[in-house]
Amino acid sequence: MPEEDLVELKFRLYDGSDIGPFRYSPASTVAMLKERIVAEWPKDKKIVPKAANDIKLINAGKILENNKTISQCRTPFGDLPITMHVVVQPSLAKARPEKKVDEVPRKHICSCTIL
C-alpha cells in the first residue's frame, strides 16, 4: 500500500499523554487499534487496561464500534494526524462491588406524633 494512503493516528490517554503517532491502513478495524493500544500502553500508568474490551475509543465525540474500519470512522482533515481519545473502563464483572450484608436487621420505626 502506498505511503500516502496510510492514516496517521495518535491516541490521547486520560492524563493527557499520547501513544503514537502510528500509521494505519484505512481498512484497519477499531478492534485492531485497541489491540495495538493495549500492547503499547505505558507501564508506569496507574490505570492499565487488561484487554482490548476495556478500552473505548472516541473520535469527533463518537464512541467507535469495534467492527468499523478507520475509513468509516474518520472525519477528513487532510494530512493532519488524527487524535483519538482513549477511555479505560474495566469489565463490569470485576467492577461491581459485592453487596454489603447487614448483620443486624434494620428496624423500621415510625416516629410520627399525633396531637
N, C-alpha and C. Protein backbone atom coordinates (compact mmCIF):
# COMPACT_ATOMS: atom_id res chain seq x y z
N MET A 1 0.85 -1.18 0.00
CA MET A 1 0.00 0.00 0.00
C MET A 1 0.89 1.24 0.00
N PRO A 2 0.61 2.20 -0.87
CA PRO A 2 1.42 3.42 -0.92
C PRO A 2 1.36 4.19 0.39
N GLU A 3 2.45 4.85 0.74
CA GLU A 3 2.55 5.61 2.00
C GLU A 3 1.47 6.68 2.11
N GLU A 4 1.11 7.33 0.99
CA GLU A 4 0.14 8.43 1.09
C GLU A 4 -1.26 7.95 1.44
N ASP A 5 -1.56 6.66 1.29
CA ASP A 5 -2.88 6.14 1.62
C ASP A 5 -3.03 5.83 3.12
N LEU A 6 -1.93 5.76 3.83
CA LEU A 6 -1.98 5.43 5.25
C LEU A 6 -2.50 6.62 6.06
N VAL A 7 -3.18 6.30 7.15
CA VAL A 7 -3.76 7.32 8.03
C VAL A 7 -2.90 7.40 9.29
N GLU A 8 -2.50 8.61 9.66
CA GLU A 8 -1.68 8.79 10.86
C GLU A 8 -2.60 9.07 12.06
N LEU A 9 -2.48 8.21 13.09
CA LEU A 9 -3.30 8.33 14.29
C LEU A 9 -2.42 8.40 15.52
N LYS A 10 -2.88 9.17 16.50
CA LYS A 10 -2.27 9.11 17.83
C LYS A 10 -3.41 9.01 18.83
N PHE A 11 -3.11 8.48 19.99
CA PHE A 11 -4.13 8.17 20.98
C PHE A 11 -3.85 8.93 22.27
N ARG A 12 -4.79 9.76 22.69
CA ARG A 12 -4.64 10.59 23.88
C ARG A 12 -5.19 9.83 25.09
N LEU A 13 -4.34 9.67 26.11
CA LEU A 13 -4.73 8.94 27.32
C LEU A 13 -5.38 9.87 28.33
N TYR A 14 -5.89 9.31 29.41
CA TYR A 14 -6.63 10.05 30.43
C TYR A 14 -5.81 11.16 31.08
N ASP A 15 -4.50 11.02 31.13
CA ASP A 15 -3.66 12.03 31.79
C ASP A 15 -3.07 13.05 30.82
N GLY A 16 -3.48 12.99 29.57
CA GLY A 16 -3.00 13.95 28.57
C GLY A 16 -1.81 13.48 27.78
N SER A 17 -1.20 12.36 28.14
CA SER A 17 -0.08 11.84 27.37
C SER A 17 -0.60 11.10 26.14
N ASP A 18 0.29 10.86 25.20
CA ASP A 18 -0.11 10.26 23.92
C ASP A 18 0.61 8.94 23.69
N ILE A 19 -0.05 8.06 22.93
CA ILE A 19 0.57 6.88 22.36
C ILE A 19 0.59 7.12 20.85
N GLY A 20 1.75 6.99 20.26
CA GLY A 20 1.83 7.20 18.82
C GLY A 20 2.54 8.51 18.51
N PRO A 21 2.46 8.97 17.31
CA PRO A 21 1.57 8.59 16.22
C PRO A 21 2.05 7.32 15.49
N PHE A 22 1.06 6.60 14.95
CA PHE A 22 1.30 5.41 14.14
C PHE A 22 0.54 5.59 12.83
N ARG A 23 1.00 4.88 11.80
CA ARG A 23 0.34 4.94 10.50
C ARG A 23 -0.41 3.62 10.29
N TYR A 24 -1.66 3.74 9.87
CA TYR A 24 -2.52 2.57 9.67
C TYR A 24 -3.17 2.60 8.30
N SER A 25 -3.51 1.44 7.81
CA SER A 25 -4.29 1.32 6.59
C SER A 25 -5.72 1.75 6.88
N PRO A 26 -6.40 2.41 5.96
CA PRO A 26 -7.80 2.78 6.17
C PRO A 26 -8.71 1.57 6.37
N ALA A 27 -8.26 0.37 5.99
CA ALA A 27 -9.05 -0.85 6.16
C ALA A 27 -8.88 -1.46 7.55
N SER A 28 -7.99 -0.91 8.39
CA SER A 28 -7.79 -1.41 9.75
C SER A 28 -9.06 -1.18 10.56
N THR A 29 -9.39 -2.14 11.42
CA THR A 29 -10.60 -2.01 12.23
C THR A 29 -10.27 -1.36 13.58
N VAL A 30 -11.30 -0.88 14.24
CA VAL A 30 -11.15 -0.28 15.57
C VAL A 30 -10.63 -1.33 16.55
N ALA A 31 -11.06 -2.57 16.41
CA ALA A 31 -10.57 -3.65 17.28
C ALA A 31 -9.06 -3.82 17.14
N MET A 32 -8.53 -3.69 15.91
CA MET A 32 -7.09 -3.77 15.71
C MET A 32 -6.37 -2.62 16.39
N LEU A 33 -6.95 -1.42 16.35
CA LEU A 33 -6.37 -0.26 17.02
C LEU A 33 -6.30 -0.49 18.52
N LYS A 34 -7.38 -1.03 19.08
CA LYS A 34 -7.43 -1.27 20.53
C LYS A 34 -6.37 -2.28 20.96
N GLU A 35 -6.15 -3.32 20.15
CA GLU A 35 -5.11 -4.31 20.45
C GLU A 35 -3.74 -3.65 20.46
N ARG A 36 -3.51 -2.76 19.53
CA ARG A 36 -2.22 -2.05 19.47
C ARG A 36 -2.05 -1.14 20.68
N ILE A 37 -3.14 -0.48 21.10
CA ILE A 37 -3.08 0.40 22.27
C ILE A 37 -2.73 -0.39 23.52
N VAL A 38 -3.36 -1.56 23.70
CA VAL A 38 -3.06 -2.40 24.86
C VAL A 38 -1.60 -2.82 24.84
N ALA A 39 -1.08 -3.18 23.66
CA ALA A 39 0.32 -3.60 23.54
C ALA A 39 1.29 -2.46 23.80
N GLU A 40 0.94 -1.24 23.43
CA GLU A 40 1.82 -0.08 23.56
C GLU A 40 1.59 0.71 24.85
N TRP A 41 0.65 0.29 25.70
CA TRP A 41 0.27 1.05 26.89
C TRP A 41 1.48 1.25 27.79
N PRO A 42 1.74 2.48 28.26
CA PRO A 42 2.87 2.73 29.15
C PRO A 42 2.73 1.97 30.48
N LYS A 43 3.79 1.34 30.91
CA LYS A 43 3.76 0.51 32.12
C LYS A 43 3.68 1.32 33.40
N ASP A 44 4.02 2.61 33.36
CA ASP A 44 4.06 3.43 34.58
C ASP A 44 2.71 4.07 34.92
N LYS A 45 1.66 3.78 34.18
CA LYS A 45 0.34 4.39 34.43
C LYS A 45 -0.38 3.66 35.56
N LYS A 46 -1.20 4.42 36.31
CA LYS A 46 -1.98 3.83 37.40
C LYS A 46 -3.09 2.94 36.87
N ILE A 47 -3.75 3.39 35.81
CA ILE A 47 -4.85 2.64 35.22
C ILE A 47 -4.32 1.94 33.97
N VAL A 48 -4.42 0.60 33.96
CA VAL A 48 -3.91 -0.18 32.84
C VAL A 48 -5.02 -1.10 32.34
N PRO A 49 -5.33 -1.05 31.04
CA PRO A 49 -6.34 -1.98 30.51
C PRO A 49 -5.78 -3.39 30.45
N LYS A 50 -6.60 -4.36 30.80
CA LYS A 50 -6.16 -5.76 30.76
C LYS A 50 -6.40 -6.37 29.38
N ALA A 51 -7.40 -5.86 28.67
CA ALA A 51 -7.74 -6.38 27.35
C ALA A 51 -8.30 -5.25 26.49
N ALA A 52 -8.43 -5.52 25.21
CA ALA A 52 -8.95 -4.51 24.29
C ALA A 52 -10.39 -4.13 24.62
N ASN A 53 -11.15 -5.03 25.21
CA ASN A 53 -12.53 -4.72 25.57
C ASN A 53 -12.64 -3.71 26.70
N ASP A 54 -11.55 -3.46 27.42
CA ASP A 54 -11.53 -2.47 28.50
C ASP A 54 -11.37 -1.05 27.98
N ILE A 55 -11.17 -0.91 26.67
CA ILE A 55 -10.88 0.40 26.07
C ILE A 55 -12.05 0.86 25.20
N LYS A 56 -12.34 2.15 25.29
CA LYS A 56 -13.29 2.79 24.38
C LYS A 56 -12.50 3.88 23.64
N LEU A 57 -12.65 3.94 22.31
CA LEU A 57 -12.01 4.97 21.51
C LEU A 57 -13.06 6.00 21.12
N ILE A 58 -12.70 7.27 21.26
CA ILE A 58 -13.61 8.36 20.93
C ILE A 58 -12.95 9.23 19.87
N ASN A 59 -13.68 9.47 18.79
CA ASN A 59 -13.21 10.34 17.73
C ASN A 59 -14.36 11.25 17.33
N ALA A 60 -14.12 12.55 17.32
CA ALA A 60 -15.12 13.55 16.95
C ALA A 60 -16.39 13.40 17.79
N GLY A 61 -16.20 13.07 19.08
CA GLY A 61 -17.33 12.98 20.00
C GLY A 61 -18.12 11.70 19.91
N LYS A 62 -17.68 10.73 19.13
CA LYS A 62 -18.41 9.48 18.98
C LYS A 62 -17.57 8.31 19.46
N ILE A 63 -18.22 7.38 20.19
CA ILE A 63 -17.55 6.15 20.60
C ILE A 63 -17.53 5.23 19.39
N LEU A 64 -16.33 4.74 19.05
CA LEU A 64 -16.16 3.94 17.85
C LEU A 64 -16.48 2.47 18.12
N GLU A 65 -17.15 1.84 17.17
CA GLU A 65 -17.50 0.43 17.29
C GLU A 65 -16.36 -0.44 16.77
N ASN A 66 -16.16 -1.60 17.41
CA ASN A 66 -15.04 -2.49 17.09
C ASN A 66 -15.04 -2.96 15.64
N ASN A 67 -16.19 -3.16 15.04
CA ASN A 67 -16.23 -3.73 13.70
C ASN A 67 -16.09 -2.69 12.59
N LYS A 68 -16.02 -1.43 12.93
CA LYS A 68 -15.87 -0.36 11.92
C LYS A 68 -14.41 -0.23 11.52
N THR A 69 -14.19 0.22 10.28
CA THR A 69 -12.82 0.48 9.82
C THR A 69 -12.49 1.95 10.05
N ILE A 70 -11.22 2.26 9.94
CA ILE A 70 -10.78 3.66 10.12
C ILE A 70 -11.44 4.55 9.08
N SER A 71 -11.54 4.07 7.86
CA SER A 71 -12.14 4.90 6.81
C SER A 71 -13.62 5.18 7.08
N GLN A 72 -14.32 4.29 7.79
CA GLN A 72 -15.71 4.52 8.14
C GLN A 72 -15.85 5.49 9.31
N CYS A 73 -14.85 5.58 10.15
CA CYS A 73 -14.92 6.37 11.38
C CYS A 73 -14.37 7.78 11.27
N ARG A 74 -13.39 7.96 10.45
CA ARG A 74 -12.66 9.23 10.48
C ARG A 74 -13.38 10.35 9.76
N THR A 75 -13.08 11.53 10.20
CA THR A 75 -13.54 12.72 9.50
C THR A 75 -12.35 13.25 8.71
N PRO A 76 -12.53 13.66 7.48
CA PRO A 76 -11.38 14.07 6.65
C PRO A 76 -10.77 15.39 7.14
N PHE A 77 -9.49 15.34 7.47
CA PHE A 77 -8.76 16.54 7.89
C PHE A 77 -7.50 16.73 7.07
N GLY A 78 -7.43 16.12 5.93
CA GLY A 78 -6.24 16.26 5.11
C GLY A 78 -5.11 15.41 5.64
N ASP A 79 -3.90 15.98 5.71
CA ASP A 79 -2.73 15.22 6.12
C ASP A 79 -2.42 15.33 7.61
N LEU A 80 -3.28 15.99 8.38
CA LEU A 80 -3.01 16.13 9.81
C LEU A 80 -3.20 14.80 10.53
N PRO A 81 -2.39 14.53 11.56
CA PRO A 81 -2.62 13.31 12.34
C PRO A 81 -3.94 13.44 13.11
N ILE A 82 -4.66 12.35 13.20
CA ILE A 82 -5.94 12.33 13.91
C ILE A 82 -5.68 11.86 15.33
N THR A 83 -6.21 12.62 16.30
CA THR A 83 -6.07 12.23 17.71
C THR A 83 -7.38 11.61 18.16
N MET A 84 -7.28 10.38 18.66
CA MET A 84 -8.43 9.69 19.23
C MET A 84 -8.23 9.61 20.73
N HIS A 85 -9.30 9.84 21.46
CA HIS A 85 -9.23 9.77 22.92
C HIS A 85 -9.49 8.36 23.39
N VAL A 86 -8.73 7.94 24.41
CA VAL A 86 -8.83 6.59 24.94
C VAL A 86 -9.43 6.65 26.34
N VAL A 87 -10.50 5.89 26.56
CA VAL A 87 -11.13 5.79 27.87
C VAL A 87 -11.00 4.35 28.31
N VAL A 88 -10.51 4.14 29.54
CA VAL A 88 -10.37 2.79 30.07
C VAL A 88 -11.55 2.52 31.00
N GLN A 89 -12.30 1.47 30.69
CA GLN A 89 -13.41 1.03 31.52
C GLN A 89 -13.24 -0.45 31.77
N PRO A 90 -12.84 -0.84 33.00
CA PRO A 90 -12.67 -2.26 33.28
C PRO A 90 -13.99 -3.01 33.09
N SER A 91 -13.89 -4.30 32.83
CA SER A 91 -15.09 -5.09 32.59
C SER A 91 -16.02 -5.03 33.80
N LEU A 92 -17.31 -5.09 33.55
CA LEU A 92 -18.32 -4.92 34.60
C LEU A 92 -18.29 -6.02 35.64
N ALA A 93 -17.89 -7.21 35.27
CA ALA A 93 -17.90 -8.32 36.21
C ALA A 93 -16.97 -8.06 37.40
N LYS A 94 -15.84 -7.43 37.14
CA LYS A 94 -14.90 -7.14 38.22
C LYS A 94 -15.17 -5.81 38.89
N ALA A 95 -15.82 -4.89 38.20
CA ALA A 95 -16.01 -3.55 38.72
C ALA A 95 -17.15 -3.46 39.73
N ARG A 96 -18.08 -4.38 39.70
CA ARG A 96 -19.21 -4.31 40.62
C ARG A 96 -18.79 -4.70 42.03
N PRO A 97 -19.04 -3.84 42.98
CA PRO A 97 -18.72 -4.22 44.36
C PRO A 97 -19.76 -5.21 44.88
N GLU A 98 -19.30 -6.05 45.79
CA GLU A 98 -20.23 -7.01 46.38
C GLU A 98 -21.21 -6.27 47.29
N LYS A 99 -22.42 -6.79 47.35
CA LYS A 99 -23.43 -6.17 48.20
C LYS A 99 -23.06 -6.41 49.66
N LYS A 100 -23.23 -5.36 50.44
CA LYS A 100 -22.97 -5.48 51.86
C LYS A 100 -24.18 -6.12 52.53
N VAL A 101 -23.91 -7.05 53.39
CA VAL A 101 -24.98 -7.72 54.11
C VAL A 101 -24.92 -7.22 55.55
N ASP A 102 -26.01 -6.62 55.99
CA ASP A 102 -26.07 -6.14 57.37
C ASP A 102 -26.22 -7.31 58.31
N GLU A 103 -25.41 -7.31 59.34
CA GLU A 103 -25.51 -8.37 60.32
C GLU A 103 -26.73 -8.17 61.21
N VAL A 104 -27.04 -6.93 61.50
CA VAL A 104 -28.19 -6.62 62.34
C VAL A 104 -29.31 -6.17 61.43
N PRO A 105 -30.48 -6.85 61.49
CA PRO A 105 -31.57 -6.41 60.64
C PRO A 105 -32.07 -5.03 61.04
N ARG A 106 -32.45 -4.27 60.03
CA ARG A 106 -32.93 -2.91 60.30
C ARG A 106 -34.37 -2.96 60.83
N LYS A 107 -34.64 -2.09 61.76
CA LYS A 107 -35.99 -1.97 62.27
C LYS A 107 -36.55 -0.66 61.77
N HIS A 108 -37.70 -0.71 61.17
CA HIS A 108 -38.34 0.50 60.70
C HIS A 108 -39.29 0.99 61.80
N ILE A 109 -38.98 2.11 62.34
CA ILE A 109 -39.78 2.67 63.43
C ILE A 109 -40.36 3.99 62.97
N CYS A 110 -41.65 4.12 63.15
CA CYS A 110 -42.33 5.34 62.80
C CYS A 110 -42.16 6.32 63.96
N SER A 111 -41.76 7.51 63.67
CA SER A 111 -41.59 8.50 64.73
C SER A 111 -42.62 9.61 64.62
N CYS A 112 -43.79 9.28 64.06
CA CYS A 112 -44.83 10.26 63.91
C CYS A 112 -45.52 10.51 65.27
N THR A 113 -45.91 11.73 65.50
CA THR A 113 -46.61 12.09 66.73
C THR A 113 -47.97 12.65 66.32
N ILE A 114 -49.02 12.07 66.92
CA ILE A 114 -50.37 12.56 66.65
C ILE A 114 -50.78 13.44 67.79
N LEU A 115 -51.18 14.67 67.50
CA LEU A 115 -51.58 15.61 68.54
C LEU A 115 -53.07 15.73 68.63
